[in-house]
PDB file of N, CA and C in Angstrom:
ATOM      1  N   LYS A   1     -19.593  -0.244 -22.276  1.00  0.00           N
ATOM      2  CA  LYS A   1     -19.059  -1.679 -22.005  1.00  0.00           C
ATOM      3  C   LYS A   1     -19.160  -2.085 -20.532  1.00  0.00           C
ATOM      4  N   GLY A   2     -19.279  -1.119 -19.746  1.00  0.00           N
ATOM      5  CA  GLY A   2     -19.141  -1.914 -18.053  1.00  0.00           C
ATOM      6  C   GLY A   2     -18.000  -2.381 -17.732  1.00  0.00           C
ATOM      7  N   GLY A   3     -17.839  -2.405 -16.846  1.00  0.00           N
ATOM      8  CA  GLY A   3     -16.674  -3.252 -15.996  1.00  0.00           C
ATOM      9  C   GLY A   3     -15.414  -2.242 -15.879  1.00  0.00           C
ATOM     10  N   TYR A   4     -14.623  -2.782 -15.654  1.00  0.00           N
ATOM     11  CA  TYR A   4     -13.387  -2.076 -15.606  1.00  0.00           C
ATOM     12  C   TYR A   4     -12.327  -2.423 -16.772  1.00  0.00           C
ATOM     13  N   GLN A   5     -11.638  -1.390 -16.922  1.00  0.00           N
ATOM     14  CA  GLN A   5     -10.561  -1.607 -18.189  1.00  0.00           C
ATOM     15  C   GLN A   5      -9.284  -1.676 -17.722  1.00  0.00           C
ATOM     16  N   ASN A   6      -8.660  -2.505 -18.123  1.00  0.00           N
ATOM     17  CA  ASN A   6      -7.113  -2.661 -17.908  1.00  0.00           C
ATOM     18  C   ASN A   6      -6.187  -2.519 -19.433  1.00  0.00           C
ATOM     19  N   ARG A   7      -5.198  -1.939 -18.702  1.00  0.00           N
ATOM     20  CA  ARG A   7      -4.424  -1.747 -20.111  1.00  0.00           C
ATOM     21  C   ARG A   7      -3.010  -1.680 -19.461  1.00  0.00           C
ATOM     22  N   ARG A   8      -2.232  -2.027 -20.418  1.00  0.00           N
ATOM     23  CA  ARG A   8      -0.755  -2.675 -20.119  1.00  0.00           C
ATOM     24  C   ARG A   8       0.000  -1.153 -20.155  1.00  0.00           C
ATOM     25  N   GLU A   9       0.918  -1.376 -19.069  1.00  0.00           N
ATOM     26  CA  GLU A   9       1.839  -0.382 -18.816  1.00  0.00           C
ATOM     27  C   GLU A   9       3.184  -0.792 -18.429  1.00  0.00           C
ATOM     28  N   GLY A  10       4.035  -0.933 -19.696  1.00  0.00           N
ATOM     29  CA  GLY A  10       5.486  -0.940 -19.172  1.00  0.00           C
ATOM     30  C   GLY A  10       5.534  -2.747 -18.668  1.00  0.00           C
ATOM     31  N   GLY A  11       4.677  -3.440 -19.440  1.00  0.00           N
ATOM     32  CA  GLY A  11       4.790  -4.733 -19.106  1.00  0.00           C
ATOM     33  C   GLY A  11       3.928  -5.082 -17.753  1.00  0.00           C
ATOM     34  N   VAL A  12       3.210  -4.564 -17.248  1.00  0.00           N
ATOM     35  CA  VAL A  12       2.937  -4.666 -15.973  1.00  0.00           C
ATOM     36  C   VAL A  12       1.002  -4.263 -16.017  1.00  0.00           C
ATOM     37  N   GLN A  13       0.511  -5.322 -15.886  1.00  0.00           N
ATOM     38  CA  GLN A  13      -1.065  -5.231 -15.951  1.00  0.00           C
ATOM     39  C   GLN A  13      -1.400  -4.242 -15.111  1.00  0.00           C
ATOM     40  N   ARG A  14      -2.331  -3.329 -15.128  1.00  0.00           N
ATOM     41  CA  ARG A  14      -2.719  -2.153 -14.303  1.00  0.00           C
ATOM     42  C   ARG A  14      -4.427  -2.119 -14.635  1.00  0.00           C
ATOM     43  N   GLN A  15      -5.174  -1.816 -13.337  1.00  0.00           N
ATOM     44  CA  GLN A  15      -6.618  -1.789 -13.454  1.00  0.00           C
ATOM     45  C   GLN A  15      -6.687  -0.460 -13.171  1.00  0.00           C
ATOM     46  N   SER A  16      -8.209   0.335 -13.739  1.00  0.00           N
ATOM     47  CA  SER A  16      -8.512   1.716 -13.962  1.00  0.00           C
ATOM     48  C   SER A  16      -8.707   1.710 -12.254  1.00  0.00           C
ATOM     49  N   ARG A  17      -9.396   3.032 -11.995  1.00  0.00           N
ATOM     50  CA  ARG A  17      -9.758   3.269 -11.008  1.00  0.00           C
ATOM     51  C   ARG A  17     -10.864   2.586 -10.337  1.00  0.00           C
ATOM     52  N   GLY A  18     -10.588   1.945  -9.061  1.00  0.00           N
ATOM     53  CA  GLY A  18     -11.664   1.361  -8.619  1.00  0.00           C
ATOM     54  C   GLY A  18     -11.309  -0.081  -9.232  1.00  0.00           C
ATOM     55  N   GLY A  19     -10.576  -0.604  -9.708  1.00  0.00           N
ATOM     56  CA  GLY A  19     -10.034  -1.764 -10.362  1.00  0.00           C
ATOM     57  C   GLY A  19     -10.506  -3.159  -9.402  1.00  0.00           C
ATOM     58  N   SER A  20     -10.413  -4.300  -9.941  1.00  0.00           N
ATOM     59  CA  SER A  20     -10.751  -5.541  -9.315  1.00  0.00           C
ATOM     60  C   SER A  20      -9.923  -5.864  -8.104  1.00  0.00           C
ATOM     61  N   TYR A  21      -9.220  -4.861  -7.597  1.00  0.00           N
ATOM     62  CA  TYR A  21      -8.571  -5.316  -6.306  1.00  0.00           C
ATOM     63  C   TYR A  21      -9.516  -6.084  -5.329  1.00  0.00           C
ATOM     64  N   ASP A  22      -8.820  -6.892  -4.551  1.00  0.00           N
ATOM     65  CA  ASP A  22      -9.898  -7.377  -3.210  1.00  0.00           C
ATOM     66  C   ASP A  22      -8.844  -7.867  -2.020  1.00  0.00           C
ATOM     67  N   ASP A  23      -9.528  -7.735  -0.964  1.00  0.00           N
ATOM     68  CA  ASP A  23      -9.072  -8.160   0.315  1.00  0.00           C
ATOM     69  C   ASP A  23      -8.005  -9.267   0.045  1.00  0.00           C
ATOM     70  N   SER A  24      -8.261 -10.296  -0.669  1.00  0.00           N
ATOM     71  CA  SER A  24      -7.727 -11.637  -0.753  1.00  0.00           C
ATOM     72  C   SER A  24      -5.895 -10.717  -1.276  1.00  0.00           C
ATOM     73  N   TYR A  25      -6.163 -10.034  -2.616  1.00  0.00           N
ATOM     74  CA  TYR A  25      -4.934  -9.597  -3.165  1.00  0.00           C
ATOM     75  C   TYR A  25      -3.975  -8.779  -2.369  1.00  0.00           C
ATOM     76  N   VAL A  26      -4.628  -7.738  -1.480  1.00  0.00           N
ATOM     77  CA  VAL A  26      -4.203  -6.778  -0.681  1.00  0.00           C
ATOM     78  C   VAL A  26      -3.462  -7.768   0.623  1.00  0.00           C
ATOM     79  N   ASN A  27      -3.877  -8.520   1.182  1.00  0.00           N
ATOM     80  CA  ASN A  27      -3.534  -9.570   2.142  1.00  0.00           C
ATOM     81  C   ASN A  27      -2.746 -10.283   1.727  1.00  0.00           C
ATOM     82  N   GLN A  28      -2.103 -10.727   0.309  1.00  0.00           N
ATOM     83  CA  GLN A  28      -1.115 -11.400  -0.077  1.00  0.00           C
ATOM     84  C   GLN A  28      -0.150 -10.487  -0.377  1.00  0.00           C
ATOM     85  N   LEU A  29       0.003  -9.399  -1.006  1.00  0.00           N
ATOM     86  CA  LEU A  29       1.173  -8.344  -0.557  1.00  0.00           C
ATOM     87  C   LEU A  29       1.554  -8.114   0.572  1.00  0.00           C
ATOM     88  N   LEU A  30       0.144  -8.211   1.632  1.00  0.00           N
ATOM     89  CA  LEU A  30       0.855  -7.575   2.790  1.00  0.00           C
ATOM     90  C   LEU A  30       1.767  -8.787   3.735  1.00  0.00           C
ATOM     91  N   SER A  31       1.338  -9.969   3.408  1.00  0.00           N
ATOM     92  CA  SER A  31       2.223 -11.247   3.808  1.00  0.00           C
ATOM     93  C   SER A  31       3.437 -11.300   3.130  1.00  0.00           C
ATOM     94  N   LYS A  32       3.550 -10.937   1.879  1.00  0.00           N
ATOM     95  CA  LYS A  32       4.767 -10.685   0.984  1.00  0.00           C
ATOM     96  C   LYS A  32       5.892  -9.765   1.720  1.00  0.00           C
ATOM     97  N   LEU A  33       5.245  -8.427   2.068  1.00  0.00           N
ATOM     98  CA  LEU A  33       5.561  -7.639   2.834  1.00  0.00           C
ATOM     99  C   LEU A  33       6.452  -8.006   4.436  1.00  0.00           C
ATOM    100  N   ASP A  34       5.627  -8.517   4.799  1.00  0.00           N
ATOM    101  CA  ASP A  34       5.791  -9.304   6.157  1.00  0.00           C
ATOM    102  C   ASP A  34       7.045  -9.915   6.148  1.00  0.00           C
ATOM    103  N   GLN A  35       7.013 -10.787   5.390  1.00  0.00           N
ATOM    104  CA  GLN A  35       7.715 -12.066   5.288  1.00  0.00           C
ATOM    105  C   GLN A  35       9.202 -11.714   4.687  1.00  0.00           C
ATOM    106  N   SER A  36       9.374 -10.804   3.914  1.00  0.00           N
ATOM    107  CA  SER A  36      10.826 -10.427   3.000  1.00  0.00           C
ATOM    108  C   SER A  36      11.615  -9.797   3.694  1.00  0.00           C
ATOM    109  N   THR A  37      12.828 -10.166   3.681  1.00  0.00           N
ATOM    110  CA  THR A  37      13.758  -9.497   4.666  1.00  0.00           C
ATOM    111  C   THR A  37      15.004  -9.031   3.344  1.00  0.00           C
ATOM    112  N   ASP A  38      14.407  -9.012   1.964  1.00  0.00           N
ATOM    113  CA  ASP A  38      15.311  -8.551   0.728  1.00  0.00           C
ATOM    114  C   ASP A  38      14.619  -7.238   0.556  1.00  0.00           C
ATOM    115  N   THR A  39      15.799  -6.233   0.485  1.00  0.00           N
ATOM    116  CA  THR A  39      14.928  -4.624   0.397  1.00  0.00           C
ATOM    117  C   THR A  39      14.770  -4.874  -1.222  1.00  0.00           C
ATOM    118  N   ASP A  40      15.101  -5.149  -1.985  1.00  0.00           N
ATOM    119  CA  ASP A  40      14.812  -5.276  -3.414  1.00  0.00           C
ATOM    120  C   ASP A  40      13.528  -5.680  -3.796  1.00  0.00           C
ATOM    121  N   LYS A  41      12.978  -6.820  -3.383  1.00  0.00           N
ATOM    122  CA  LYS A  41      12.062  -7.704  -3.384  1.00  0.00           C
ATOM    123  C   LYS A  41      10.921  -6.841  -2.600  1.00  0.00           C
ATOM    124  N   CYS A  42      11.147  -6.226  -1.513  1.00  0.00           N
ATOM    125  CA  CYS A  42      10.089  -5.419  -0.803  1.00  0.00           C
ATOM    126  C   CYS A  42       9.661  -4.208  -1.523  1.00  0.00           C
ATOM    127  N   MET A  43      10.738  -3.812  -2.297  1.00  0.00           N
ATOM    128  CA  MET A  43      10.438  -2.417  -3.040  1.00  0.00           C
ATOM    129  C   MET A  43       9.689  -2.618  -3.934  1.00  0.00           C
ATOM    130  N   ARG A  44       9.971  -4.027  -4.937  1.00  0.00           N
ATOM    131  CA  ARG A  44       8.607  -4.678  -5.916  1.00  0.00           C
ATOM    132  C   ARG A  44       7.448  -4.641  -5.482  1.00  0.00           C
ATOM    133  N   VAL A  45       7.169  -5.240  -3.931  1.00  0.00           N
ATOM    134  CA  VAL A  45       5.963  -5.635  -3.683  1.00  0.00           C
ATOM    135  C   VAL A  45       5.379  -4.043  -3.126  1.00  0.00           C
ATOM    136  N   ALA A  46       6.074  -3.457  -2.671  1.00  0.00           N
ATOM    137  CA  ALA A  46       5.635  -1.903  -2.173  1.00  0.00           C
ATOM    138  C   ALA A  46       4.903  -1.191  -3.402  1.00  0.00           C
ATOM    139  N   ARG A  47       5.980  -1.108  -4.794  1.00  0.00           N
ATOM    140  CA  ARG A  47       5.384  -0.616  -5.874  1.00  0.00           C
ATOM    141  C   ARG A  47       3.885  -1.156  -6.259  1.00  0.00           C
ATOM    142  N   GLN A  48       3.790  -2.439  -5.648  1.00  0.00           N
ATOM    143  CA  GLN A  48       2.550  -2.875  -6.210  1.00  0.00           C
ATOM    144  C   GLN A  48       1.400  -2.960  -5.256  1.00  0.00           C
ATOM    145  N   LEU A  49       1.446  -2.361  -3.936  1.00  0.00           N
ATOM    146  CA  LEU A  49       0.963  -1.834  -2.852  1.00  0.00           C
ATOM    147  C   LEU A  49       0.614  -0.540  -3.279  1.00  0.00           C
ATOM    148  N   GLN A  50       1.380   0.093  -3.672  1.00  0.00           N
ATOM    149  CA  GLN A  50       1.324   1.873  -4.387  1.00  0.00           C
ATOM    150  C   GLN A  50       0.143   1.585  -5.118  1.00  0.00           C
ATOM    151  N   GLU A  51       0.291   0.870  -6.336  1.00  0.00           N
ATOM    152  CA  GLU A  51      -0.958   0.523  -7.198  1.00  0.00           C
ATOM    153  C   GLU A  51      -2.203   0.727  -6.751  1.00  0.00           C
ATOM    154  N   VAL A  52      -2.288  -0.334  -5.937  1.00  0.00           N
ATOM    155  CA  VAL A  52      -3.396  -0.987  -5.049  1.00  0.00           C
ATOM    156  C   VAL A  52      -3.996   0.543  -4.429  1.00  0.00           C
ATOM    157  N   LEU A  53      -2.883   1.523  -3.586  1.00  0.00           N
ATOM    158  CA  LEU A  53      -3.246   2.463  -2.967  1.00  0.00           C
ATOM    159  C   LEU A  53      -4.024   3.712  -3.955  1.00  0.00           C
ATOM    160  N   GLU A  54      -3.357   3.704  -5.084  1.00  0.00           N
ATOM    161  CA  GLU A  54      -3.871   4.593  -6.250  1.00  0.00           C
ATOM    162  C   GLU A  54      -5.126   4.346  -7.009  1.00  0.00           C
ATOM    163  N   ASN A  55      -5.553   3.151  -7.018  1.00  0.00           N
ATOM    164  CA  ASN A  55      -6.438   2.800  -8.029  1.00  0.00           C
ATOM    165  C   ASN A  55      -7.746   2.101  -7.238  1.00  0.00           C
ATOM    166  N   ALA A  56      -7.489   1.070  -6.005  1.00  0.00           N
ATOM    167  CA  ALA A  56      -8.418   0.586  -5.481  1.00  0.00           C
ATOM    168  C   ALA A  56      -9.710   1.301  -4.892  1.00  0.00           C
ATOM    169  N   ASP A  57     -10.624   0.822  -4.545  1.00  0.00           N
ATOM    170  CA  ASP A  57     -12.021   1.566  -4.105  1.00  0.00           C
ATOM    171  C   ASP A  57     -11.500   1.868  -2.408  1.00  0.00           C
ATOM    172  N   GLN A  58     -12.108   3.033  -2.054  1.00  0.00           N
ATOM    173  CA  GLN A  58     -11.508   3.699  -0.906  1.00  0.00           C
ATOM    174  C   GLN A  58     -12.092   2.659   0.533  1.00  0.00           C
ATOM    175  N   ARG A  59     -13.042   1.774   0.092  1.00  0.00           N
ATOM    176  CA  ARG A  59     -13.362   1.118   1.152  1.00  0.00           C
ATOM    177  C   ARG A  59     -12.489  -0.089   1.610  1.00  0.00           C
ATOM    178  N   LEU A  60     -11.943  -0.730   0.384  1.00  0.00           N
ATOM    179  CA  LEU A  60     -10.970  -1.856   0.503  1.00  0.00           C
ATOM    180  C   LEU A  60     -10.039  -1.053   1.429  1.00  0.00           C
ATOM    181  N   ILE A  61      -9.049   0.307   0.932  1.00  0.00           N
ATOM    182  CA  ILE A  61      -8.221   0.631   1.489  1.00  0.00           C
ATOM    183  C   ILE A  61      -8.618   0.927   2.925  1.00  0.00           C
ATOM    184  N   PHE A  62      -9.640   1.319   3.482  1.00  0.00           N
ATOM    185  CA  PHE A  62     -10.124   1.641   4.581  1.00  0.00           C
ATOM    186  C   PHE A  62     -10.291   0.244   5.263  1.00  0.00           C
ATOM    187  N   ARG A  63     -10.647  -0.762   5.026  1.00  0.00           N
ATOM    188  CA  ARG A  63     -10.683  -1.998   5.655  1.00  0.00           C
ATOM    189  C   ARG A  63      -9.503  -2.522   5.937  1.00  0.00           C
ATOM    190  N   ASN A  64      -8.378  -2.098   5.307  1.00  0.00           N
ATOM    191  CA  ASN A  64      -7.083  -2.991   5.322  1.00  0.00           C
ATOM    192  C   ASN A  64      -6.544  -1.867   5.793  1.00  0.00           C
ATOM    193  N   SER A  65      -6.677  -0.794   6.377  1.00  0.00           N
ATOM    194  CA  SER A  65      -5.548   0.240   6.671  1.00  0.00           C
ATOM    195  C   SER A  65      -4.867  -0.500   7.885  1.00  0.00           C
ATOM    196  N   HIS A  66      -5.164  -0.984   8.725  1.00  0.00           N
ATOM    197  CA  HIS A  66      -4.312  -1.307  10.017  1.00  0.00           C
ATOM    198  C   HIS A  66      -3.343  -2.154   9.462  1.00  0.00           C
ATOM    199  N   ALA A  67      -3.437  -3.225   8.852  1.00  0.00           N
ATOM    200  CA  ALA A  67      -2.697  -4.066   8.328  1.00  0.00           C
ATOM    201  C   ALA A  67      -1.635  -3.604   7.528  1.00  0.00           C
ATOM    202  N   ILE A  68      -2.262  -2.531   6.529  1.00  0.00           N
ATOM    203  CA  ILE A  68      -1.198  -2.097   5.628  1.00  0.00           C
ATOM    204  C   ILE A  68      -0.232  -1.010   6.264  1.00  0.00           C
ATOM    205  N   LEU A  69      -0.788  -0.185   7.574  1.00  0.00           N
ATOM    206  CA  LEU A  69       0.211   0.416   8.302  1.00  0.00           C
ATOM    207  C   LEU A  69       1.060  -0.841   8.919  1.00  0.00           C
ATOM    208  N   ASP A  70       0.837  -1.670   9.445  1.00  0.00           N
ATOM    209  CA  ASP A  70       1.289  -2.739  10.228  1.00  0.00           C
ATOM    210  C   ASP A  70       2.636  -2.798   9.250  1.00  0.00           C
ATOM    211  N   SER A  71       2.604  -3.341   8.073  1.00  0.00           N
ATOM    212  CA  SER A  71       3.513  -3.868   6.836  1.00  0.00           C
ATOM    213  C   SER A  71       4.460  -3.276   6.737  1.00  0.00           C
ATOM    214  N   LEU A  72       3.893  -1.504   6.444  1.00  0.00           N
ATOM    215  CA  LEU A  72       4.886  -0.708   5.990  1.00  0.00           C
ATOM    216  C   LEU A  72       5.861  -0.327   7.088  1.00  0.00           C
ATOM    217  N   GLN A  73       5.466  -0.243   8.451  1.00  0.00           N
ATOM    218  CA  GLN A  73       5.893  -0.331   9.463  1.00  0.00           C
ATOM    219  C   GLN A  73       7.294  -1.136   9.558  1.00  0.00           C
ATOM    220  N   HIS A  74       6.987  -2.550   8.824  1.00  0.00           N
ATOM    221  CA  HIS A  74       8.116  -3.297   9.611  1.00  0.00           C
ATOM    222  C   HIS A  74       9.021  -3.445   8.458  1.00  0.00           C
ATOM    223  N   VAL A  75       8.371  -3.175   6.960  1.00  0.00           N
ATOM    224  CA  VAL A  75       9.338  -2.537   5.946  1.00  0.00           C
ATOM    225  C   VAL A  75      10.293  -1.404   6.705  1.00  0.00           C
ATOM    226  N   ILE A  76       9.663  -0.423   7.179  1.00  0.00           N
ATOM    227  CA  ILE A  76      10.399   0.748   7.359  1.00  0.00           C
ATOM    228  C   ILE A  76      11.730   0.195   8.197  1.00  0.00           C
ATOM    229  N   GLU A  77      10.958  -0.158   9.353  1.00  0.00           N
ATOM    230  CA  GLU A  77      11.938  -0.795  10.431  1.00  0.00           C
ATOM    231  C   GLU A  77      12.840  -1.730  10.137  1.00  0.00           C
ATOM    232  N   LYS A  78      12.734  -2.850   9.476  1.00  0.00           N
ATOM    233  CA  LYS A  78      13.164  -3.915   9.326  1.00  0.00           C
ATOM    234  C   LYS A  78      14.041  -3.984   8.313  1.00  0.00           C
ATOM    235  N   VAL A  79      13.661  -3.375   7.263  1.00  0.00           N
ATOM    236  CA  VAL A  79      14.445  -3.762   5.891  1.00  0.00           C
ATOM    237  C   VAL A  79      14.764  -2.555   5.222  1.00  0.00           C
ATOM    238  N   ALA A  80      13.983  -1.759   5.099  1.00  0.00           N
ATOM    239  CA  ALA A  80      14.471  -0.713   4.146  1.00  0.00           C
ATOM    240  C   ALA A  80      15.787   0.126   5.066  1.00  0.00           C
ATOM    241  N   THR A  81      16.681   0.509   4.574  1.00  0.00           N
ATOM    242  CA  THR A  81      18.127   1.160   4.987  1.00  0.00           C
ATOM    243  C   THR A  81      18.002   2.071   5.222  1.00  0.00           C
ATOM    244  N   LYS A  82      17.100   3.115   4.085  1.00  0.00           N
ATOM    245  CA  LYS A  82      16.517   4.369   4.310  1.00  0.00           C
ATOM    246  C   LYS A  82      15.172   4.683   3.458  1.00  0.00           C
ATOM    247  N   SER A  83      15.033   6.083   3.729  1.00  0.00           N
ATOM    248  CA  SER A  83      13.404   6.194   3.206  1.00  0.00           C
ATOM    249  C   SER A  83      13.613   6.275   1.651  1.00  0.00           C
ATOM    250  N   THR A  84      12.570   5.793   1.224  1.00  0.00           N
ATOM    251  CA  THR A  84      12.197   5.593  -0.372  1.00  0.00           C
ATOM    252  C   THR A  84      11.088   6.276  -1.138  1.00  0.00           C
ATOM    253  N   PRO A  85      11.039   6.692  -2.050  1.00  0.00           N
ATOM    254  CA  PRO A  85       9.843   7.342  -2.702  1.00  0.00           C
ATOM    255  C   PRO A  85       8.615   6.782  -2.561  1.00  0.00           C
ATOM    256  N   VAL A  86       8.723   5.451  -2.912  1.00  0.00           N
ATOM    257  CA  VAL A  86       7.907   4.224  -2.932  1.00  0.00           C
ATOM    258  C   VAL A  86       7.027   3.966  -1.596  1.00  0.00           C
ATOM    259  N   LEU A  87       7.738   4.103  -0.432  1.00  0.00           N
ATOM    260  CA  LEU A  87       7.003   4.191   0.875  1.00  0.00           C
ATOM    261  C   LEU A  87       6.572   5.570   1.235  1.00  0.00           C
ATOM    262  N   GLU A  88       7.157   6.516   0.739  1.00  0.00           N
ATOM    263  CA  GLU A  88       6.664   7.677   1.293  1.00  0.00           C
ATOM    264  C   GLU A  88       5.606   7.662   0.668  1.00  0.00           C
ATOM    265  N   GLN A  89       5.112   7.392  -0.721  1.00  0.00           N
ATOM    266  CA  GLN A  89       3.951   7.414  -1.425  1.00  0.00           C
ATOM    267  C   GLN A  89       3.048   6.609  -0.827  1.00  0.00           C
ATOM    268  N   CYS A  90       3.314   5.474  -0.479  1.00  0.00           N
ATOM    269  CA  CYS A  90       2.381   4.162   0.159  1.00  0.00           C
ATOM    270  C   CYS A  90       1.679   5.136   1.146  1.00  0.00           C
ATOM    271  N   LEU A  91       2.756   5.678   2.253  1.00  0.00           N
ATOM    272  CA  LEU A  91       2.319   6.467   3.307  1.00  0.00           C
ATOM    273  C   LEU A  91       1.204   7.559   3.290  1.00  0.00           C
ATOM    274  N   GLY A  92       1.687   8.189   2.302  1.00  0.00           N
ATOM    275  CA  GLY A  92       0.756   9.548   1.749  1.00  0.00           C
ATOM    276  C   GLY A  92      -0.694   9.033   1.517  1.00  0.00           C
ATOM    277  N   LEU A  93      -0.611   8.590   0.372  1.00  0.00           N
ATOM    278  CA  LEU A  93      -1.971   7.182  -0.245  1.00  0.00           C
ATOM    279  C   LEU A  93      -2.676   7.296   0.523  1.00  0.00           C
ATOM    280  N   LEU A  94      -2.061   6.479   1.747  1.00  0.00           N
ATOM    281  CA  LEU A  94      -2.847   5.871   2.919  1.00  0.00           C
ATOM    282  C   LEU A  94      -3.778   6.977   3.512  1.00  0.00           C
ATOM    283  N   ALA A  95      -2.881   7.885   4.113  1.00  0.00           N
ATOM    284  CA  ALA A  95      -3.260   8.858   4.647  1.00  0.00           C
ATOM    285  C   ALA A  95      -4.498   9.878   3.936  1.00  0.00           C
ATOM    286  N   CYS A  96      -4.064   9.722   2.832  1.00  0.00           N
ATOM    287  CA  CYS A  96      -5.611  10.587   1.911  1.00  0.00           C
ATOM    288  C   CYS A  96      -6.700   9.586   1.649  1.00  0.00           C
ATOM    289  N   SER A  97      -6.479   8.249   1.478  1.00  0.00           N
ATOM    290  CA  SER A  97      -7.769   7.295   1.788  1.00  0.00           C
ATOM    291  C   SER A  97      -8.474   7.281   2.908  1.00  0.00           C
ATOM    292  N   LEU A  98      -7.740   7.305   4.327  1.00  0.00           N
ATOM    293  CA  LEU A  98      -8.450   7.650   5.613  1.00  0.00           C
ATOM    294  C   LEU A  98      -9.609   8.602   5.533  1.00  0.00           C
ATOM    295  N   GLY A  99      -9.415   9.386   4.862  1.00  0.00           N
ATOM    296  CA  GLY A  99     -10.125  10.916   5.254  1.00  0.00           C
ATOM    297  C   GLY A  99     -10.419  11.250   6.360  1.00  0.00           C
ATOM    298  N   ARG A 100     -11.637  11.071   7.098  1.00  0.00           N
ATOM    299  CA  ARG A 100     -11.834  11.496   8.462  1.00  0.00           C
ATOM    300  C   ARG A 100     -11.210  10.933   9.658  1.00  0.00           C
ATOM    301  N   GLU A 101     -10.913   9.375   9.311  1.00  0.00           N
ATOM    302  CA  GLU A 101      -9.918   8.926  10.169  1.00  0.00           C
ATOM    303  C   GLU A 101      -8.492   9.015   9.693  1.00  0.00           C
ATOM    304  N   ALA A 102      -8.274  10.020   9.300  1.00  0.00           N
ATOM    305  CA  ALA A 102      -6.634  10.475   9.292  1.00  0.00           C
ATOM    306  C   ALA A 102      -6.222  10.458  10.132  1.00  0.00           C
ATOM    307  N   HIS A 103      -6.622  11.066  11.289  1.00  0.00           N
ATOM    308  CA  HIS A 103      -5.905  11.460  12.591  1.00  0.00           C
ATOM    309  C   HIS A 103      -5.441  10.453  13.005  1.00  0.00           C
ATOM    310  N   SER A 104      -5.952   9.088  13.256  1.00  0.00           N
ATOM    311  CA  SER A 104      -5.453   8.250  13.796  1.00  0.00           C
ATOM    312  C   SER A 104      -4.215   7.529  13.149  1.00  0.00           C
ATOM    313  N   PHE A 105      -4.308   7.876  11.949  1.00  0.00           N
ATOM    314  CA  PHE A 105      -2.806   7.713  11.083  1.00  0.00           C
ATOM    315  C   PHE A 105      -2.054   8.445  11.650  1.00  0.00           C
ATOM    316  N   PHE A 106      -2.113   9.854  11.867  1.00  0.00           N
ATOM    317  CA  PHE A 106      -1.097  10.898  12.269  1.00  0.00           C
ATOM    318  C   PHE A 106      -0.506  10.173  13.574  1.00  0.00           C
ATOM    319  N   GLU A 107      -1.637  10.171  14.243  1.00  0.00           N
ATOM    320  CA  GLU A 107      -1.255   9.721  16.122  1.00  0.00           C
ATOM    321  C   GLU A 107      -0.184   8.577  15.724  1.00  0.00           C
ATOM    322  N   TRP A 108      -0.482   7.597  14.762  1.00  0.00           N
ATOM    323  CA  TRP A 108       0.622   6.201  14.677  1.00  0.00           C
ATOM    324  C   TRP A 108       1.757   6.713  14.309  1.00  0.00           C
ATOM    325  N   MET A 109       1.687   7.407  13.576  1.00  0.00           N
ATOM    326  CA  MET A 109       2.727   7.788  12.700  1.00  0.00           C
ATOM    327  C   MET A 109       3.901   8.765  13.564  1.00  0.00           C
ATOM    328  N   PHE A 110       3.299   9.226  14.114  1.00  0.00           N
ATOM    329  CA  PHE A 110       3.687  10.403  15.491  1.00  0.00           C
ATOM    330  C   PHE A 110       4.655   9.428  16.256  1.00  0.00           C
ATOM    331  N   THR A 111       3.522   8.355  16.680  1.00  0.00           N
ATOM    332  CA  THR A 111       4.229   7.684  18.166  1.00  0.00           C
ATOM    333  C   THR A 111       5.464   6.850  17.424  1.00  0.00           C
ATOM    334  N   ARG A 112       5.272   6.567  16.224  1.00  0.00           N
ATOM    335  CA  ARG A 112       6.553   5.731  15.595  1.00  0.00           C
ATOM    336  C   ARG A 112       7.800   6.599  14.993  1.00  0.00           C
ATOM    337  N   VAL A 113       7.421   7.868  15.088  1.00  0.00           N
ATOM    338  CA  VAL A 113       8.684   9.082  15.123  1.00  0.00           C
ATOM    339  C   VAL A 113       9.483   8.983  16.087  1.00  0.00           C
ATOM    340  N   ASN A 114       8.687   8.952  17.382  1.00  0.00           N
ATOM    341  CA  ASN A 114       9.257   9.161  18.633  1.00  0.00           C
ATOM    342  C   ASN A 114      10.067   8.450  19.118  1.00  0.00           C
TER     343      ASN A 114
END
């Protein structure tokens, strides 16, 4: 049939691997994360970001990696009162997506921890 298959899971539209996510959608999610001060809303948006990181084309993730890191940093520092599985998974998925460039991710992460 060609194209990407969509399926319904738990009432949420999900796209198959390499789905039709684009820069605009990612930027919209990141904007929501950056503007939110509500923990519950941030976690809902972070779950949507996690879905993107699990299913989007790796080139899309790579192109937006710095913006994704900045938004996740905002949530970790300003909104989340404790570590959550969704944030941990987003960081892990992002690191996996960066491939050879993962060293810059780990440099970023360790400078934030210190």
